Amino acid sequence: MSAPTPRQGRLAHSPVVLRGGQWWLDGGAGSVPASDPAFTAVLDNFAQAMAAADQAVVHLLIRQGEPSAADPGGRR
């Protein structure tokens, strides 16, 4: 299974934004592209981890909505 891809937009309430595959540092005075390969690699890894966590939460919520295997009647 491949890793989830990060979505466009702000990264976890931070001043970092992914736009068009490019990381940007977004501040009150404007935006600056993040160009340091080590820094952008960390941002990529963090964004993938956040996307995976979001996906895991969605799967848990879906499973909570399914009837329990121990209770064929679907009662909890």
PDB file of N, CA and C in Angstrom:
ATOM      1  N   MET A   1       0.843  -1.179   0.000  1.00  0.00           N
ATOM      2  CA  MET A   1       0.000   0.000   0.000  1.00  0.00           C
ATOM      3  C   MET A   1       0.886   1.239   0.000  1.00  0.00           C
ATOM      4  N   SER A   2       0.554   2.194  -0.825  1.00  0.00           N
ATOM      5  CA  SER A   2       1.373   3.402  -0.907  1.00  0.00           C
ATOM      6  C   SER A   2       0.968   4.390   0.182  1.00  0.00           C
ATOM      7  N   ALA A   3       1.888   5.272   0.494  1.00  0.00           N
ATOM      8  CA  ALA A   3       1.634   6.286   1.516  1.00  0.00           C
ATOM      9  C   ALA A   3       0.627   7.298   0.994  1.00  0.00           C
ATOM     10  N   PRO A   4      -0.250   7.795   1.861  1.00  0.00           N
ATOM     11  CA  PRO A   4      -1.192   8.830   1.435  1.00  0.00           C
ATOM     12  C   PRO A   4      -0.435  10.081   1.002  1.00  0.00           C
ATOM     13  N   THR A   5      -0.954  10.734   0.001  1.00  0.00           N
ATOM     14  CA  THR A   5      -0.307  11.962  -0.458  1.00  0.00           C
ATOM     15  C   THR A   5      -0.880  13.152   0.295  1.00  0.00           C
ATOM     16  N   PRO A   6      -0.023  14.100   0.665  1.00  0.00           N
ATOM     17  CA  PRO A   6      -0.516  15.277   1.370  1.00  0.00           C
ATOM     18  C   PRO A   6      -1.417  16.119   0.471  1.00  0.00           C
ATOM     19  N   ARG A   7      -2.374  16.760   1.084  1.00  0.00           N
ATOM     20  CA  ARG A   7      -3.290  17.630   0.343  1.00  0.00           C
ATOM     21  C   ARG A   7      -2.689  19.020   0.219  1.00  0.00           C
ATOM     22  N   GLN A   8      -3.183  19.740  -0.784  1.00  0.00           N
ATOM     23  CA  GLN A   8      -2.814  21.143  -0.925  1.00  0.00           C
ATOM     24  C   GLN A   8      -3.334  21.895   0.293  1.00  0.00           C
ATOM     25  N   GLY A   9      -2.644  22.912   0.714  1.00  0.00           N
ATOM     26  CA  GLY A   9      -3.127  23.761   1.794  1.00  0.00           C
ATOM     27  C   GLY A   9      -2.181  23.817   2.972  1.00  0.00           C
ATOM     28  N   ARG A  10      -2.676  24.440   4.024  1.00  0.00           N
ATOM     29  CA  ARG A  10      -1.883  24.685   5.233  1.00  0.00           C
ATOM     30  C   ARG A  10      -1.599  23.379   5.949  1.00  0.00           C
ATOM     31  N   LEU A  11      -0.402  23.272   6.503  1.00  0.00           N
ATOM     32  CA  LEU A  11       0.030  22.075   7.216  1.00  0.00           C
ATOM     33  C   LEU A  11      -0.207  22.247   8.710  1.00  0.00           C
ATOM     34  N   ALA A  12      -1.217  21.569   9.221  1.00  0.00           N
ATOM     35  CA  ALA A  12      -1.477  21.442  10.662  1.00  0.00           C
ATOM     36  C   ALA A  12      -1.338  22.742  11.446  1.00  0.00           C
ATOM     37  N   HIS A  13      -2.085  23.747  11.072  1.00  0.00           N
ATOM     38  CA  HIS A  13      -2.126  25.024  11.800  1.00  0.00           C
ATOM     39  C   HIS A  13      -0.741  25.665  11.913  1.00  0.00           C
ATOM     40  N   SER A  14       0.021  25.560  10.863  1.00  0.00           N
ATOM     41  CA  SER A  14       1.368  26.131  10.852  1.00  0.00           C
ATOM     42  C   SER A  14       1.458  27.201   9.766  1.00  0.00           C
ATOM     43  N   PRO A  15       2.554  27.920   9.713  1.00  0.00           N
ATOM     44  CA  PRO A  15       2.735  28.907   8.646  1.00  0.00           C
ATOM     45  C   PRO A  15       3.289  28.284   7.362  1.00  0.00           C
ATOM     46  N   VAL A  16       3.161  26.961   7.225  1.00  0.00           N
ATOM     47  CA  VAL A  16       3.680  26.257   6.055  1.00  0.00           C
ATOM     48  C   VAL A  16       2.508  25.830   5.182  1.00  0.00           C
ATOM     49  N   VAL A  17       2.609  26.112   3.876  1.00  0.00           N
ATOM     50  CA  VAL A  17       1.532  25.821   2.938  1.00  0.00           C
ATOM     51  C   VAL A  17       2.102  25.052   1.746  1.00  0.00           C
ATOM     52  N   LEU A  18       1.355  24.040   1.298  1.00  0.00           N
ATOM     53  CA  LEU A  18       1.721  23.303   0.089  1.00  0.00           C
ATOM     54  C   LEU A  18       0.850  23.805  -1.048  1.00  0.00           C
ATOM     55  N   ARG A  19       1.501  24.366  -2.063  1.00  0.00           N
ATOM     56  CA  ARG A  19       0.798  24.895  -3.251  1.00  0.00           C
ATOM     57  C   ARG A  19       1.481  24.370  -4.493  1.00  0.00           C
ATOM     58  N   GLY A  20       0.741  23.633  -5.304  1.00  0.00           N
ATOM     59  CA  GLY A  20       1.288  23.144  -6.568  1.00  0.00           C
ATOM     60  C   GLY A  20       2.529  22.284  -6.396  1.00  0.00           C
ATOM     61  N   GLY A  21       2.581  21.510  -5.327  1.00  0.00           N
ATOM     62  CA  GLY A  21       3.729  20.645  -5.077  1.00  0.00           C
ATOM     63  C   GLY A  21       4.932  21.352  -4.478  1.00  0.00           C
ATOM     64  N   GLN A  22       4.818  22.627  -4.192  1.00  0.00           N
ATOM     65  CA  GLN A  22       5.914  23.439  -3.627  1.00  0.00           C
ATOM     66  C   GLN A  22       5.532  23.898  -2.222  1.00  0.00           C
ATOM     67  N   TRP A  23       6.441  23.746  -1.276  1.00  0.00           N
ATOM     68  CA  TRP A  23       6.214  24.235   0.085  1.00  0.00           C
ATOM     69  C   TRP A  23       6.521  25.728   0.145  1.00  0.00           C
ATOM     70  N   TRP A  24       5.675  26.462   0.867  1.00  0.00           N
ATOM     71  CA  TRP A  24       5.838  27.897   1.051  1.00  0.00           C
ATOM     72  C   TRP A  24       5.747  28.225   2.528  1.00  0.00           C
ATOM     73  N   LEU A  25       6.553  29.170   2.969  1.00  0.00           N
ATOM     74  CA  LEU A  25       6.438  29.730   4.308  1.00  0.00           C
ATOM     75  C   LEU A  25       5.567  30.971   4.170  1.00  0.00           C
ATOM     76  N   ASP A  26       4.444  30.955   4.845  1.00  0.00           N
ATOM     77  CA  ASP A  26       3.420  31.980   4.671  1.00  0.00           C
ATOM     78  C   ASP A  26       3.351  32.843   5.921  1.00  0.00           C
ATOM     79  N   GLY A  27       3.590  34.122   5.759  1.00  0.00           N
ATOM     80  CA  GLY A  27       3.566  35.034   6.896  1.00  0.00           C
ATOM     81  C   GLY A  27       2.766  36.277   6.586  1.00  0.00           C
ATOM     82  N   GLY A  28       2.675  37.145   7.560  1.00  0.00           N
ATOM     83  CA  GLY A  28       1.913  38.375   7.397  1.00  0.00           C
ATOM     84  C   GLY A  28       2.452  39.281   6.304  1.00  0.00           C
ATOM     85  N   ALA A  29       3.753  39.232   6.050  1.00  0.00           N
ATOM     86  CA  ALA A  29       4.359  40.099   5.039  1.00  0.00           C
ATOM     87  C   ALA A  29       4.374  39.466   3.650  1.00  0.00           C
ATOM     88  N   GLY A  30       3.943  38.219   3.557  1.00  0.00           N
ATOM     89  CA  GLY A  30       3.924  37.545   2.265  1.00  0.00           C
ATOM     90  C   GLY A  30       4.375  36.101   2.381  1.00  0.00           C
ATOM     91  N   SER A  31       4.633  35.481   1.236  1.00  0.00           N
ATOM     92  CA  SER A  31       5.048  34.077   1.184  1.00  0.00           C
ATOM     93  C   SER A  31       6.427  33.950   0.569  1.00  0.00           C
ATOM     94  N   VAL A  32       7.177  32.960   1.064  1.00  0.00           N
ATOM     95  CA  VAL A  32       8.514  32.675   0.556  1.00  0.00           C
ATOM     96  C   VAL A  32       8.580  31.177   0.277  1.00  0.00           C
ATOM     97  N   PRO A  33       9.080  30.782  -0.906  1.00  0.00           N
ATOM     98  CA  PRO A  33       9.180  29.344  -1.166  1.00  0.00           C
ATOM     99  C   PRO A  33      10.239  28.702  -0.272  1.00  0.00           C
ATOM    100  N   ALA A  34       9.923  27.527   0.247  1.00  0.00           N
ATOM    101  CA  ALA A  34      10.902  26.766   1.035  1.00  0.00           C
ATOM    102  C   ALA A  34      11.754  25.994   0.033  1.00  0.00           C
ATOM    103  N   SER A  35      13.058  26.242   0.051  1.00  0.00           N
ATOM    104  CA  SER A  35      13.922  25.648  -0.963  1.00  0.00           C
ATOM    105  C   SER A  35      14.976  24.700  -0.397  1.00  0.00           C
ATOM    106  N   ASP A  36      15.144  24.649   0.924  1.00  0.00           N
ATOM    107  CA  ASP A  36      16.143  23.767   1.524  1.00  0.00           C
ATOM    108  C   ASP A  36      15.661  22.317   1.423  1.00  0.00           C
ATOM    109  N   PRO A  37      16.402  21.452   0.721  1.00  0.00           N
ATOM    110  CA  PRO A  37      15.954  20.073   0.513  1.00  0.00           C
ATOM    111  C   PRO A  37      15.743  19.287   1.814  1.00  0.00           C
ATOM    112  N   ALA A  38      16.587  19.511   2.803  1.00  0.00           N
ATOM    113  CA  ALA A  38      16.417  18.798   4.077  1.00  0.00           C
ATOM    114  C   ALA A  38      15.124  19.240   4.762  1.00  0.00           C
ATOM    115  N   PHE A  39      14.847  20.533   4.744  1.00  0.00           N
ATOM    116  CA  PHE A  39      13.633  21.058   5.371  1.00  0.00           C
ATOM    117  C   PHE A  39      12.387  20.578   4.640  1.00  0.00           C
ATOM    118  N   THR A  40      12.398  20.644   3.310  1.00  0.00           N
ATOM    119  CA  THR A  40      11.224  20.213   2.557  1.00  0.00           C
ATOM    120  C   THR A  40      11.007  18.706   2.673  1.00  0.00           C
ATOM    121  N   ALA A  41      12.083  17.927   2.840  1.00  0.00           N
ATOM    122  CA  ALA A  41      11.933  16.485   3.051  1.00  0.00           C
ATOM    123  C   ALA A  41      11.222  16.216   4.377  1.00  0.00           C
ATOM    124  N   VAL A  42      11.578  16.974   5.409  1.00  0.00           N
ATOM    125  CA  VAL A  42      10.906  16.834   6.706  1.00  0.00           C
ATOM    126  C   VAL A  42       9.437  17.231   6.571  1.00  0.00           C
ATOM    127  N   LEU A  43       9.156  18.305   5.842  1.00  0.00           N
ATOM    128  CA  LEU A  43       7.770  18.716   5.628  1.00  0.00           C
ATOM    129  C   LEU A  43       6.996  17.637   4.877  1.00  0.00           C
ATOM    130  N   ASP A  44       7.610  17.053   3.845  1.00  0.00           N
ATOM    131  CA  ASP A  44       6.963  15.967   3.098  1.00  0.00           C
ATOM    132  C   ASP A  44       6.632  14.792   4.013  1.00  0.00           C
ATOM    133  N   ASN A  45       7.594  14.385   4.833  1.00  0.00           N
ATOM    134  CA  ASN A  45       7.384  13.254   5.743  1.00  0.00           C
ATOM    135  C   ASN A  45       6.289  13.560   6.760  1.00  0.00           C
ATOM    136  N   PHE A  46       6.309  14.765   7.310  1.00  0.00           N
ATOM    137  CA  PHE A  46       5.290  15.134   8.283  1.00  0.00           C
ATOM    138  C   PHE A  46       3.908  15.181   7.632  1.00  0.00           C
ATOM    139  N   ALA A  47       3.831  15.746   6.441  1.00  0.00           N
ATOM    140  CA  ALA A  47       2.550  15.828   5.741  1.00  0.00           C
ATOM    141  C   ALA A  47       2.021  14.430   5.414  1.00  0.00           C
ATOM    142  N   GLN A  48       2.906  13.509   5.023  1.00  0.00           N
ATOM    143  CA  GLN A  48       2.471  12.139   4.759  1.00  0.00           C
ATOM    144  C   GLN A  48       1.989  11.462   6.030  1.00  0.00           C
ATOM    145  N   ALA A  49       2.662  11.704   7.145  1.00  0.00           N
ATOM    146  CA  ALA A  49       2.231  11.128   8.424  1.00  0.00           C
ATOM    147  C   ALA A  49       0.867  11.692   8.833  1.00  0.00           C
ATOM    148  N   MET A  50       0.654  12.977   8.632  1.00  0.00           N
ATOM    149  CA  MET A  50      -0.637  13.581   8.956  1.00  0.00           C
ATOM    150  C   MET A  50      -1.741  13.014   8.059  1.00  0.00           C
ATOM    151  N   ALA A  51      -1.450  12.836   6.771  1.00  0.00           N
ATOM    152  CA  ALA A  51      -2.436  12.266   5.851  1.00  0.00           C
ATOM    153  C   ALA A  51      -2.765  10.828   6.250  1.00  0.00           C
ATOM    154  N   ALA A  52      -1.759  10.057   6.647  1.00  0.00           N
ATOM    155  CA  ALA A  52      -1.988   8.682   7.090  1.00  0.00           C
ATOM    156  C   ALA A  52      -2.828   8.659   8.362  1.00  0.00           C
ATOM    157  N   ALA A  53      -2.561   9.563   9.285  1.00  0.00           N
ATOM    158  CA  ALA A  53      -3.336   9.645  10.520  1.00  0.00           C
ATOM    159  C   ALA A  53      -4.786  10.024  10.221  1.00  0.00           C
ATOM    160  N   ASP A  54      -4.986  10.986   9.330  1.00  0.00           N
ATOM    161  CA  ASP A  54      -6.345  11.370   8.935  1.00  0.00           C
ATOM    162  C   ASP A  54      -7.089  10.185   8.333  1.00  0.00           C
ATOM    163  N   GLN A  55      -6.384   9.433   7.478  1.00  0.00           N
ATOM    164  CA  GLN A  55      -6.988   8.262   6.835  1.00  0.00           C
ATOM    165  C   GLN A  55      -7.336   7.190   7.875  1.00  0.00           C
ATOM    166  N   ALA A  56      -6.478   6.993   8.864  1.00  0.00           N
ATOM    167  CA  ALA A  56      -6.742   6.006   9.915  1.00  0.00           C
ATOM    168  C   ALA A  56      -7.968   6.404  10.732  1.00  0.00           C
ATOM    169  N   VAL A  57      -8.122   7.684  11.021  1.00  0.00           N
ATOM    170  CA  VAL A  57      -9.291   8.153  11.766  1.00  0.00           C
ATOM    171  C   VAL A  57     -10.564   7.903  10.955  1.00  0.00           C
ATOM    172  N   VAL A  58     -10.517   8.180   9.662  1.00  0.00           N
ATOM    173  CA  VAL A  58     -11.688   7.935   8.806  1.00  0.00           C
ATOM    174  C   VAL A  58     -12.060   6.456   8.840  1.00  0.00           C
ATOM    175  N   HIS A  59     -11.064   5.579   8.743  1.00  0.00           N
ATOM    176  CA  HIS A  59     -11.337   4.142   8.778  1.00  0.00           C
ATOM    177  C   HIS A  59     -11.934   3.731  10.123  1.00  0.00           C
ATOM    178  N   LEU A  60     -11.446   4.303  11.215  1.00  0.00           N
ATOM    179  CA  LEU A  60     -12.011   3.996  12.529  1.00  0.00           C
ATOM    180  C   LEU A  60     -13.459   4.460  12.624  1.00  0.00           C
ATOM    181  N   LEU A  61     -13.746   5.638  12.118  1.00  0.00           N
ATOM    182  CA  LEU A  61     -15.113   6.147  12.156  1.00  0.00           C
ATOM    183  C   LEU A  61     -16.043   5.278  11.318  1.00  0.00           C
ATOM    184  N   ILE A  62     -15.555   4.814  10.182  1.00  0.00           N
ATOM    185  CA  ILE A  62     -16.353   3.925   9.340  1.00  0.00           C
ATOM    186  C   ILE A  62     -16.622   2.619  10.076  1.00  0.00           C
ATOM    187  N   ARG A  63     -15.595   2.062  10.712  1.00  0.00           N
ATOM    188  CA  ARG A  63     -15.751   0.807  11.443  1.00  0.00           C
ATOM    189  C   ARG A  63     -16.708   0.959  12.616  1.00  0.00           C
ATOM    190  N   GLN A  64     -16.717   2.120  13.261  1.00  0.00           N
ATOM    191  CA  GLN A  64     -17.643   2.337  14.372  1.00  0.00           C
ATOM    192  C   GLN A  64     -19.093   2.309  13.901  1.00  0.00           C
ATOM    193  N   GLY A  65     -19.304   2.692  12.660  1.00  0.00           N
ATOM    194  CA  GLY A  65     -20.657   2.703  12.111  1.00  0.00           C
ATOM    195  C   GLY A  65     -21.130   1.339  11.642  1.00  0.00           C
ATOM    196  N   GLU A  66     -20.227   0.362  11.547  1.00  0.00           N
ATOM    197  CA  GLU A  66     -20.603  -0.981  11.108  1.00  0.00           C
ATOM    198  C   GLU A  66     -21.160  -1.772  12.281  1.00  0.00           C
ATOM    199  N   PRO A  67     -22.100  -2.688  11.995  1.00  0.00           N
ATOM    200  CA  PRO A  67     -22.608  -3.561  13.061  1.00  0.00           C
ATOM    201  C   PRO A  67     -21.485  -4.422  13.616  1.00  0.00           C
ATOM    202  N   SER A  68     -21.509  -4.674  14.911  1.00  0.00           N
ATOM    203  CA  SER A  68     -20.508  -5.481  15.575  1.00  0.00           C
ATOM    204  C   SER A  68     -20.645  -6.939  15.155  1.00  0.00           C
ATOM    205  N   ALA A  69     -19.512  -7.627  14.946  1.00  0.00           N
ATOM    206  CA  ALA A  69     -19.541  -9.046  14.579  1.00  0.00           C
ATOM    207  C   ALA A  69     -20.063  -9.877  15.752  1.00  0.00           C
ATOM    208  N   ALA A  70     -19.869  -9.415  16.988  1.00  0.00           N
ATOM    209  CA  ALA A  70     -20.333 -10.156  18.161  1.00  0.00           C
ATOM    210  C   ALA A  70     -21.834  -9.983  18.375  1.00  0.00           C
ATOM    211  N   ASP A  71     -22.420  -8.962  17.778  1.00  0.00           N
ATOM    212  CA  ASP A  71     -23.848  -8.686  17.934  1.00  0.00           C
ATOM    213  C   ASP A  71     -24.469  -8.592  16.558  1.00  0.00           C
ATOM    214  N   PRO A  72     -24.936  -9.724  15.998  1.00  0.00           N
ATOM    215  CA  PRO A  72     -25.492  -9.713  14.648  1.00  0.00           C
ATOM    216  C   PRO A  72     -26.678  -8.782  14.495  1.00  0.00           C
ATOM    217  N   GLY A  73     -27.337  -8.418  15.585  1.00  0.00           N
ATOM    218  CA  GLY A  73     -28.477  -7.512  15.515  1.00  0.00           C
ATOM    219  C   GLY A  73     -28.075  -6.056  15.355  1.00  0.00           C
ATOM    220  N   GLY A  74     -26.802  -5.778  15.519  1.00  0.00           N
ATOM    221  CA  GLY A  74     -26.317  -4.416  15.358  1.00  0.00           C
ATOM    222  C   GLY A  74     -26.541  -3.550  16.581  1.00  0.00           C
ATOM    223  N   ARG A  75     -26.994  -4.147  17.703  1.00  0.00           N
ATOM    224  CA  ARG A  75     -27.212  -3.360  18.915  1.00  0.00           C
ATOM    225  C   ARG A  75     -25.921  -3.216  19.683  1.00  0.00           C
ATOM    226  N   ARG A  76     -25.738  -2.069  20.334  1.00  0.00           N
ATOM    227  CA  ARG A  76     -24.532  -1.836  21.134  1.00  0.00           C
ATOM    228  C   ARG A  76     -24.904  -1.514  22.547  1.00  0.00           C
TER     229      ARG A  76
END
